C-alpha atoms as a PDB file:
ATOM      1  CA  MET A   1     -28.681   7.511 -19.881  1.00  0.00           C
ATOM      2  CA  SER A   2     -26.384  10.440 -20.598  1.00  0.00           C
ATOM      3  CA  ARG A   3     -22.719  10.400 -19.028  1.00  0.00           C
ATOM      4  CA  PRO A   4     -20.488  13.398 -18.862  1.00  0.00           C
ATOM      5  CA  PHE A   5     -17.298  13.769 -21.195  1.00  0.00           C
ATOM      6  CA  LYS A   6     -14.693  16.337 -21.778  1.00  0.00           C
ATOM      7  CA  VAL A   7     -14.618  17.384 -25.365  1.00  0.00           C
ATOM      8  CA  TRP A   8     -11.560  19.319 -26.581  1.00  0.00           C
ATOM      9  CA  SER A   9     -10.459  20.688 -29.952  1.00  0.00           C
ATOM     10  CA  GLY A  10      -7.740  19.151 -31.756  1.00  0.00           C
ATOM     11  CA  ASP A  11      -5.068  21.851 -30.541  1.00  0.00           C
ATOM     12  CA  ARG A  12      -6.549  21.456 -27.145  1.00  0.00           C
ATOM     13  CA  ALA A  13      -7.187  25.143 -26.844  1.00  0.00           C
ATOM     14  CA  ASN A  14     -10.759  24.733 -26.699  1.00  0.00           C
ATOM     15  CA  LYS A  15     -12.186  22.473 -23.863  1.00  0.00           C
ATOM     16  CA  LYS A  16     -15.730  21.962 -23.154  1.00  0.00           C
ATOM     17  CA  SER A  17     -17.952  19.467 -21.134  1.00  0.00           C
ATOM     18  CA  VAL A  18     -20.937  17.575 -22.567  1.00  0.00           C
ATOM     19  CA  THR A  19     -23.217  14.874 -21.592  1.00  0.00           C
ATOM     20  CA  ALA A  20     -24.133  12.300 -23.958  1.00  0.00           C
ATOM     21  CA  ALA A  21     -25.844   8.909 -24.307  1.00  0.00           C
ATOM     22  CA  THR A  22     -24.478   7.882 -27.554  1.00  0.00           C
ATOM     23  CA  LEU A  23     -21.534   8.633 -29.890  1.00  0.00           C
ATOM     24  CA  GLN A  24     -23.742  10.585 -32.314  1.00  0.00           C
ATOM     25  CA  GLU A  25     -25.061  12.726 -29.428  1.00  0.00           C
ATOM     26  CA  LEU A  26     -21.599  13.433 -28.256  1.00  0.00           C
ATOM     27  CA  VAL A  27     -20.374  14.356 -31.971  1.00  0.00           C
ATOM     28  CA  TYR A  28     -23.538  16.664 -32.130  1.00  0.00           C
ATOM     29  CA  LYS A  29     -23.061  18.459 -28.987  1.00  0.00           C
ATOM     30  CA  GLY A  30     -19.354  18.556 -29.358  1.00  0.00           C
ATOM     31  CA  ARG A  31     -19.530  20.316 -32.661  1.00  0.00           C
ATOM     32  CA  GLN A  32     -21.930  22.801 -31.284  1.00  0.00           C
ATOM     33  CA  LYS A  33     -19.780  23.592 -28.255  1.00  0.00           C
ATOM     34  CA  LEU A  34     -16.505  23.743 -30.062  1.00  0.00           C
ATOM     35  CA  GLY A  35     -17.969  25.748 -33.044  1.00  0.00           C
ATOM     36  CA  LEU A  36     -17.304  23.116 -35.694  1.00  0.00           C
ATOM     37  CA  ALA A  37     -19.524  23.227 -38.958  1.00  0.00           C
ATOM     38  CA  ASP A  38     -22.104  20.417 -39.361  1.00  0.00           C
ATOM     39  CA  THR A  39     -20.670  19.809 -42.765  1.00  0.00           C
ATOM     40  CA  GLU A  40     -17.009  19.365 -41.452  1.00  0.00           C
ATOM     41  CA  ALA A  41     -15.958  15.962 -41.143  1.00  0.00           C
ATOM     42  CA  VAL A  42     -14.576  14.992 -37.588  1.00  0.00           C
ATOM     43  CA  ARG A  43     -13.083  12.082 -35.836  1.00  0.00           C
ATOM     44  CA  VAL A  44     -13.402  11.504 -32.137  1.00  0.00           C
ATOM     45  CA  VAL A  45     -10.303  10.117 -30.448  1.00  0.00           C
ATOM     46  CA  LEU A  46      -9.069   9.436 -26.917  1.00  0.00           C
ATOM     47  CA  ASP A  47      -6.762  12.302 -25.655  1.00  0.00           C
ATOM     48  CA  GLU A  48      -4.468   9.882 -23.826  1.00  0.00           C
ATOM     49  CA  ASP A  49      -3.242   7.760 -26.900  1.00  0.00           C
ATOM     50  CA  GLY A  50      -5.266   8.722 -30.053  1.00  0.00           C
ATOM     51  CA  THR A  51      -7.318   5.668 -30.427  1.00  0.00           C
ATOM     52  CA  GLU A  52     -10.182   6.502 -32.587  1.00  0.00           C
ATOM     53  CA  VAL A  53     -13.807   6.016 -31.126  1.00  0.00           C
ATOM     54  CA  ASP A  54     -16.020   5.234 -34.125  1.00  0.00           C
ATOM     55  CA  GLU A  55     -18.329   2.652 -32.803  1.00  0.00           C
ATOM     56  CA  GLU A  56     -21.264   2.918 -30.426  1.00  0.00           C
ATOM     57  CA  ASP A  57     -20.198  -0.387 -28.672  1.00  0.00           C
ATOM     58  CA  TYR A  58     -16.739   1.023 -27.835  1.00  0.00           C
ATOM     59  CA  PHE A  59     -18.437   4.305 -26.919  1.00  0.00           C
ATOM     60  CA  THR A  60     -20.472   2.611 -24.251  1.00  0.00           C
ATOM     61  CA  PHE A  61     -17.092   1.400 -22.423  1.00  0.00           C
ATOM     62  CA  LEU A  62     -15.649   4.688 -22.185  1.00  0.00           C
ATOM     63  CA  SER A  63     -15.427   5.900 -18.570  1.00  0.00           C
ATOM     64  CA  ASN A  64     -17.378   9.042 -17.345  1.00  0.00           C
ATOM     65  CA  ASN A  65     -15.450  12.218 -17.670  1.00  0.00           C
ATOM     66  CA  ALA A  66     -13.045  10.599 -20.420  1.00  0.00           C
ATOM     67  CA  THR A  67     -11.303  13.436 -22.404  1.00  0.00           C
ATOM     68  CA  LEU A  68     -11.937  13.090 -26.101  1.00  0.00           C
ATOM     69  CA  LEU A  69     -10.497  15.237 -28.931  1.00  0.00           C
ATOM     70  CA  MET A  70     -12.672  16.127 -31.972  1.00  0.00           C
ATOM     71  CA  LEU A  71     -10.100  16.201 -34.995  1.00  0.00           C
ATOM     72  CA  ARG A  72     -10.958  17.733 -38.133  1.00  0.00           C
ATOM     73  CA  THR A  73      -9.869  15.991 -41.311  1.00  0.00           C
ATOM     74  CA  SER A  74      -6.529  17.991 -41.549  1.00  0.00           C
ATOM     75  CA  GLU A  75      -5.674  17.402 -38.013  1.00  0.00           C
ATOM     76  CA  LYS A  76      -4.043  14.445 -36.470  1.00  0.00           C
ATOM     77  CA  TRP A  77      -3.580  13.325 -32.973  1.00  0.00           C
ATOM     78  CA  ARG A  78      -0.277  14.254 -31.012  1.00  0.00           C
ATOM     79  CA  PRO A  79       0.702  13.442 -27.428  1.00  0.00           C
ATOM     80  CA  GLN A  80      -0.365  16.355 -25.233  1.00  0.00           C
ATOM     81  CA  GLY A  81       2.561  18.948 -25.068  1.00  0.00           C
ATOM     82  CA  ALA A  82       4.044  17.921 -28.357  1.00  0.00           C
ATOM     83  CA  GLU A  83       4.056  21.120 -30.564  1.00  0.00           C
ATOM     84  CA  GLU A  84       3.764  20.873 -34.179  1.00  0.00           C
ATOM     85  CA  VAL A  85       7.173  21.408 -35.718  1.00  0.00           C
ATOM     86  CA  SER A  86       8.235  21.911 -39.283  1.00  0.00           C
ATOM     87  CA  ARG A  87      10.456  19.583 -41.133  1.00  0.00           C
ATOM     88  CA  ASP A  88      13.462  21.951 -40.817  1.00  0.00           C
ATOM     89  CA  GLU A  89      12.962  22.165 -37.030  1.00  0.00           C
ATOM     90  CA  VAL A  90      13.072  18.379 -36.444  1.00  0.00           C
ATOM     91  CA  ASP A  91      16.847  18.065 -37.519  1.00  0.00           C
ATOM     92  CA  THR A  92      17.595  20.360 -34.350  1.00  0.00           C
ATOM     93  CA  MET A  93      15.416  18.902 -31.641  1.00  0.00           C
ATOM     94  CA  ASP A  94      17.197  17.232 -28.954  1.00  0.00           C
ATOM     95  CA  GLY A  95      16.430  13.636 -28.583  1.00  0.00           C
ATOM     96  CA  ALA A  96      14.261  13.267 -31.559  1.00  0.00           C
ATOM     97  CA  GLN A  97      16.512  13.133 -34.484  1.00  0.00           C
ATOM     98  CA  GLY A  98      15.422  10.556 -36.989  1.00  0.00           C
ATOM     99  CA  MET A  99      12.700   9.200 -34.697  1.00  0.00           C
ATOM    100  CA  SER A 100       9.396   8.561 -36.083  1.00  0.00           C
ATOM    101  CA  GLU A 101       5.948  10.037 -35.129  1.00  0.00           C
ATOM    102  CA  ARG A 102       4.884   6.451 -34.043  1.00  0.00           C
ATOM    103  CA  VAL A 103       7.785   5.893 -31.740  1.00  0.00           C
ATOM    104  CA  LYS A 104       7.067   9.310 -30.110  1.00  0.00           C
ATOM    105  CA  GLN A 105       3.389   8.304 -29.562  1.00  0.00           C
ATOM    106  CA  LEU A 106       4.507   4.666 -28.149  1.00  0.00           C
ATOM    107  CA  VAL A 107       6.857   6.427 -25.823  1.00  0.00           C
ATOM    108  CA  CYS A 108       4.211   9.000 -24.651  1.00  0.00           C
ATOM    109  CA  GLY A 109       1.986   5.959 -23.864  1.00  0.00           C
ATOM    110  CA  LEU A 110       4.661   4.207 -21.837  1.00  0.00           C
ATOM    111  CA  GLN A 111       5.311   7.468 -19.863  1.00  0.00           C
ATOM    112  CA  ARG A 112       1.717   7.092 -18.434  1.00  0.00           C
ATOM    113  CA  ASP A 113       1.728   3.297 -18.089  1.00  0.00           C
ATOM    114  CA  VAL A 114       4.723   1.110 -18.862  1.00  0.00           C
ATOM    115  CA  SER A 115       2.496  -2.047 -18.768  1.00  0.00           C
ATOM    116  CA  ARG A 116       1.125  -0.888 -22.036  1.00  0.00           C
ATOM    117  CA  ILE A 117       4.181  -2.741 -23.542  1.00  0.00           C
ATOM    118  CA  ILE A 118       2.128  -5.837 -23.570  1.00  0.00           C
ATOM    119  CA  THR A 119      -0.234  -4.419 -26.021  1.00  0.00           C
ATOM    120  CA  PHE A 120       2.325  -3.247 -28.563  1.00  0.00           C
ATOM    121  CA  SER A 121       2.611  -5.145 -31.966  1.00  0.00           C
ATOM    122  CA  ASN A 122       5.899  -6.889 -32.962  1.00  0.00           C
ATOM    123  CA  GLU A 123       6.521  -3.898 -35.142  1.00  0.00           C
ATOM    124  CA  ASP A 124       5.999  -1.397 -32.406  1.00  0.00           C
ATOM    125  CA  LEU A 125       8.218  -3.334 -29.919  1.00  0.00           C
ATOM    126  CA  GLN A 126      11.071  -3.714 -32.636  1.00  0.00           C
ATOM    127  CA  GLN A 127      10.882   0.353 -33.125  1.00  0.00           C
ATOM    128  CA  ILE A 128      11.464   0.884 -29.391  1.00  0.00           C
ATOM    129  CA  VAL A 129      14.326  -1.630 -29.616  1.00  0.00           C
ATOM    130  CA  ASP A 130      15.922   0.187 -32.583  1.00  0.00           C
ATOM    131  CA  VAL A 131      15.967   3.688 -31.027  1.00  0.00           C
ATOM    132  CA  SER A 132      19.428   4.803 -29.560  1.00  0.00           C
ATOM    133  CA  VAL A 133      19.342   4.538 -25.789  1.00  0.00           C
ATOM    134  CA  GLU A 134      20.285   8.243 -25.606  1.00  0.00           C
ATOM    135  CA  GLU A 135      17.289   9.396 -27.695  1.00  0.00           C
ATOM    136  CA  LEU A 136      14.841   6.947 -25.771  1.00  0.00           C
ATOM    137  CA  ALA A 137      16.193   8.277 -22.616  1.00  0.00           C
ATOM    138  CA  SER A 138      15.583  11.889 -23.630  1.00  0.00           C
ATOM    139  CA  LEU A 139      12.221  11.246 -25.053  1.00  0.00           C
ATOM    140  CA  LEU A 140      11.151   9.432 -21.650  1.00  0.00           C
ATOM    141  CA  GLN A 141      12.785  12.138 -19.556  1.00  0.00           C
ATOM    142  CA  ASP A 142      14.531   9.619 -17.727  1.00  0.00           C
ATOM    143  CA  THR A 143      18.093   8.076 -17.156  1.00  0.00           C
ATOM    144  CA  GLU A 144      19.756   5.927 -19.943  1.00  0.00           C
ATOM    145  CA  SER A 145      19.697   2.907 -17.565  1.00  0.00           C
ATOM    146  CA  TYR A 146      15.944   3.041 -17.522  1.00  0.00           C
ATOM    147  CA  ALA A 147      15.830   3.450 -21.202  1.00  0.00           C
ATOM    148  CA  LYS A 148      18.070   0.487 -21.701  1.00  0.00           C
ATOM    149  CA  ALA A 149      15.965  -1.541 -19.220  1.00  0.00           C
ATOM    150  CA  LEU A 150      12.898  -0.678 -21.217  1.00  0.00           C
ATOM    151  CA  GLN A 151      14.523  -1.712 -24.480  1.00  0.00           C
ATOM    152  CA  ASP A 152      15.652  -5.128 -22.816  1.00  0.00           C
ATOM    153  CA  SER A 153      12.088  -5.705 -21.851  1.00  0.00           C
ATOM    154  CA  CYS A 154      10.785  -4.894 -25.267  1.00  0.00           C
ATOM    155  CA  SER A 155      13.437  -7.165 -26.751  1.00  0.00           C
ATOM    156  CA  ARG A 156      12.533  -9.947 -24.308  1.00  0.00           C
ATOM    157  CA  HIS A 157       8.918  -9.840 -25.120  1.00  0.00           C
ATOM    158  CA  LEU A 158       9.686  -9.882 -28.742  1.00  0.00           C
ATOM    159  CA  ASP A 159      11.641 -13.099 -28.324  1.00  0.00           C
ATOM    160  CA  GLU A 160       8.968 -14.872 -26.199  1.00  0.00           C
ATOM    161  CA  ARG A 161       6.397 -14.016 -28.882  1.00  0.00           C
ATOM    162  CA  GLN A 162       8.718 -15.400 -31.531  1.00  0.00           C
ATOM    163  CA  GLN A 163       9.237 -18.484 -29.401  1.00  0.00           C
ATOM    164  CA  ALA A 164       5.691 -18.888 -28.946  1.00  0.00           C
ATOM    165  CA  ALA A 165       4.940 -18.559 -32.786  1.00  0.00           C
ATOM    166  CA  GLU A 166       7.739 -21.167 -33.442  1.00  0.00           C
ATOM    167  CA  ALA A 167       6.150 -23.755 -30.853  1.00  0.00           C
ATOM    168  CA  ILE A 168       2.608 -23.258 -32.260  1.00  0.00           C
ATOM    169  CA  ASP A 169       4.210 -23.799 -35.777  1.00  0.00           C
ATOM    170  CA  LEU A 170       5.811 -26.926 -34.708  1.00  0.00           C
ATOM    171  CA  LEU A 171       2.830 -28.288 -33.035  1.00  0.00           C
ATOM    172  CA  ARG A 172       0.758 -27.762 -36.302  1.00  0.00           C
ATOM    173  CA  LEU A 173       3.397 -29.494 -38.173  1.00  0.00           C
ATOM    174  CA  TYR A 174       3.387 -32.429 -35.812  1.00  0.00           C
ATOM    175  CA  HIS A 175      -0.417 -32.447 -35.912  1.00  0.00           C
ATOM    176  CA  ARG A 176      -0.380 -32.616 -39.979  1.00  0.00           C
ATOM    177  CA  ALA A 177       2.410 -35.137 -39.930  1.00  0.00           C
ATOM    178  CA  ARG A 178       0.361 -37.529 -37.494  1.00  0.00           C
ATOM    179  CA  GLN A 179      -2.856 -36.945 -39.667  1.00  0.00           C
ATOM    180  CA  HIS A 180      -0.898 -38.293 -42.783  1.00  0.00           C
ATOM    181  CA  SER A 181       1.278 -40.867 -41.176  1.00  0.00           C
ATOM    182  CA  PRO A 182       0.505 -44.555 -41.950  1.00  0.00           C
ATOM    183  CA  TYR A 183       2.162 -45.611 -38.685  1.00  0.00           C
ATOM    184  CA  VAL A 184      -0.207 -43.730 -36.477  1.00  0.00           C
ATOM    185  CA  GLU A 185      -3.242 -45.335 -38.185  1.00  0.00           C
ATOM    186  CA  ALA A 186      -1.595 -48.831 -37.784  1.00  0.00           C
ATOM    187  CA  GLY A 187      -0.945 -48.229 -34.144  1.00  0.00           C
ATOM    188  CA  LYS A 188      -4.609 -47.078 -33.642  1.00  0.00           C
ATOM    189  CA  LYS A 189      -5.821 -50.358 -35.146  1.00  0.00           C
ATOM    190  CA  ARG A 190      -3.485 -52.465 -33.136  1.00  0.00           C
ATOM    191  CA  LYS A 191      -4.743 -50.810 -29.862  1.00  0.00           C
ATOM    192  CA  VAL A 192      -8.233 -51.596 -30.944  1.00  0.00           C
ATOM    193  CA  GLU A 193      -7.591 -55.202 -31.874  1.00  0.00           C
ATOM    194  CA  ASP A 194      -5.674 -55.599 -28.332  1.00  0.00           C
ATOM    195  CA  GLN A 195      -8.795 -54.380 -26.634  1.00  0.00           C
ATOM    196  CA  GLU A 196     -11.111 -56.825 -28.250  1.00  0.00           C
END
């Protein structure tokens, strides 16, 4: 059964609507409507965060009217409103000096939904923590106190993950020690003899 989708060019200048039942059909119709050659390789990504849609199973879970970008090989996803800048221009951008493209993507996602923080990898969380409060506030277009609170949340989340990992390692070590301990076996045998 066909469902409606919004298909946009990589620069978001050309926006079309299509209906498709499969990812393959969406790519075919999207190419036609956006004027992309059949021989040109394209990737389909979610407009909101750049997640690549490359499996039929994932495609079936997309909501009706989802906005998808069709990126050529030479194009890469950028947050909406982020213009391409040359290397020389990056040095003069306010609030973005030395900030990686990945941090900008993460912050863009947090602007839409701060609960995304729980899906970030440890490396992503650490990148948010490592950015200066001033740069983060500028990128978030919010106050420095909010940026600091966000960094504190990322830091706490990292600490909790580390504590959980350490607890699991400790349990594994304990389990391994119990398996190889002669005292545990002797204790089991004594219990069996006491029951008889």
